[in-house]
Amino acid sequence: MDKQYQVYKDQGLQILAVNIAQSDYEVRQYAEQRNLTFPIVIDKDKSVMEAHNICPFLS
């Protein structure tokens, strides 16, 4: 996703990742390890997940 973001962001492509209930630290570490440059927001109270009836991936 980030490679495509880098290619097309100047043409208006927007990517917004939504993390469900992990800490700021965990999300920041994940993004840094993978060199992600698009924004990642954290759904701390799972309200976005519930509003859109999203079933999180199980690991």
C-alpha atoms as a PDB file:
ATOM      1  CA  MET A   1       0.000   0.000   0.000  1.00  0.00           C
ATOM      2  CA  ASP A   2       2.752   2.414   0.865  1.00  0.00           C
ATOM      3  CA  LYS A   3       4.480   1.915  -2.505  1.00  0.00           C
ATOM      4  CA  GLN A   4       1.242   2.816  -4.277  1.00  0.00           C
ATOM      5  CA  TYR A   5       0.744   5.758  -1.937  1.00  0.00           C
ATOM      6  CA  GLN A   6       4.202   7.092  -2.821  1.00  0.00           C
ATOM      7  CA  VAL A   7       3.512   6.728  -6.554  1.00  0.00           C
ATOM      8  CA  TYR A   8       0.056   8.338  -6.574  1.00  0.00           C
ATOM      9  CA  LYS A   9      -0.124  10.707  -3.583  1.00  0.00           C
ATOM     10  CA  ASP A  10       0.730  13.743  -5.721  1.00  0.00           C
ATOM     11  CA  GLN A  11      -2.225  12.843  -7.929  1.00  0.00           C
ATOM     12  CA  GLY A  12      -4.580  12.963  -4.950  1.00  0.00           C
ATOM     13  CA  LEU A  13      -4.493   9.389  -3.630  1.00  0.00           C
ATOM     14  CA  GLN A  14      -5.309   9.281   0.062  1.00  0.00           C
ATOM     15  CA  ILE A  15      -4.758   6.265   2.316  1.00  0.00           C
ATOM     16  CA  LEU A  16      -5.853   6.257   5.922  1.00  0.00           C
ATOM     17  CA  ALA A  17      -5.230   3.169   7.999  1.00  0.00           C
ATOM     18  CA  VAL A  18      -7.391   2.573  11.054  1.00  0.00           C
ATOM     19  CA  ASN A  19      -5.872   0.509  13.820  1.00  0.00           C
ATOM     20  CA  ILE A  20      -8.236  -1.067  16.305  1.00  0.00           C
ATOM     21  CA  ALA A  21      -7.384  -0.574  19.969  1.00  0.00           C
ATOM     22  CA  GLN A  22      -3.592  -0.897  19.984  1.00  0.00           C
ATOM     23  CA  SER A  23      -1.404   1.599  21.776  1.00  0.00           C
ATOM     24  CA  ASP A  24       0.215   4.600  20.119  1.00  0.00           C
ATOM     25  CA  TYR A  25       3.582   2.968  20.752  1.00  0.00           C
ATOM     26  CA  GLU A  26       2.627  -0.314  19.052  1.00  0.00           C
ATOM     27  CA  VAL A  27       1.223   1.474  16.020  1.00  0.00           C
ATOM     28  CA  ARG A  28       4.228   3.781  15.735  1.00  0.00           C
ATOM     29  CA  GLN A  29       6.643   0.830  15.994  1.00  0.00           C
ATOM     30  CA  TYR A  30       4.719  -1.111  13.332  1.00  0.00           C
ATOM     31  CA  ALA A  31       4.712   1.866  10.964  1.00  0.00           C
ATOM     32  CA  GLU A  32       8.392   2.608  11.528  1.00  0.00           C
ATOM     33  CA  GLN A  33       9.456  -1.021  11.007  1.00  0.00           C
ATOM     34  CA  ARG A  34       7.636  -1.071   7.685  1.00  0.00           C
ATOM     35  CA  ASN A  35       8.523   2.499   6.652  1.00  0.00           C
ATOM     36  CA  LEU A  36       4.851   3.433   6.266  1.00  0.00           C
ATOM     37  CA  THR A  37       4.285   7.055   5.332  1.00  0.00           C
ATOM     38  CA  PHE A  38       0.488   7.263   5.149  1.00  0.00           C
ATOM     39  CA  PRO A  39      -1.487   8.290   8.243  1.00  0.00           C
ATOM     40  CA  ILE A  40      -2.607   5.693  10.770  1.00  0.00           C
ATOM     41  CA  VAL A  41      -5.293   6.551  13.286  1.00  0.00           C
ATOM     42  CA  ILE A  42      -6.195   4.486  16.318  1.00  0.00           C
ATOM     43  CA  ASP A  43      -9.777   3.474  17.061  1.00  0.00           C
ATOM     44  CA  LYS A  44      -9.128   3.176  20.803  1.00  0.00           C
ATOM     45  CA  ASP A  45     -12.729   2.613  21.827  1.00  0.00           C
ATOM     46  CA  LYS A  46     -13.615   0.547  18.719  1.00  0.00           C
ATOM     47  CA  SER A  47     -16.357   3.021  17.759  1.00  0.00           C
ATOM     48  CA  VAL A  48     -15.318   3.077  14.078  1.00  0.00           C
ATOM     49  CA  MET A  49     -15.228  -0.715  14.026  1.00  0.00           C
ATOM     50  CA  GLU A  50     -18.705  -0.933  15.520  1.00  0.00           C
ATOM     51  CA  ALA A  51     -20.182   1.862  13.389  1.00  0.00           C
ATOM     52  CA  HIS A  52     -19.102   0.119  10.192  1.00  0.00           C
ATOM     53  CA  ASN A  53     -19.728  -3.451  11.435  1.00  0.00           C
ATOM     54  CA  ILE A  54     -16.097  -4.448  10.898  1.00  0.00           C
ATOM     55  CA  CYS A  55     -14.874  -7.797  12.116  1.00  0.00           C
ATOM     56  CA  PRO A  56     -11.185  -7.475  13.045  1.00  0.00           C
ATOM     57  CA  PHE A  57      -8.654  -9.976  11.763  1.00  0.00           C
ATOM     58  CA  LEU A  58      -7.799 -12.616  14.306  1.00  0.00           C
ATOM     59  CA  SER A  59      -4.143 -13.394  14.786  1.00  0.00           C
END
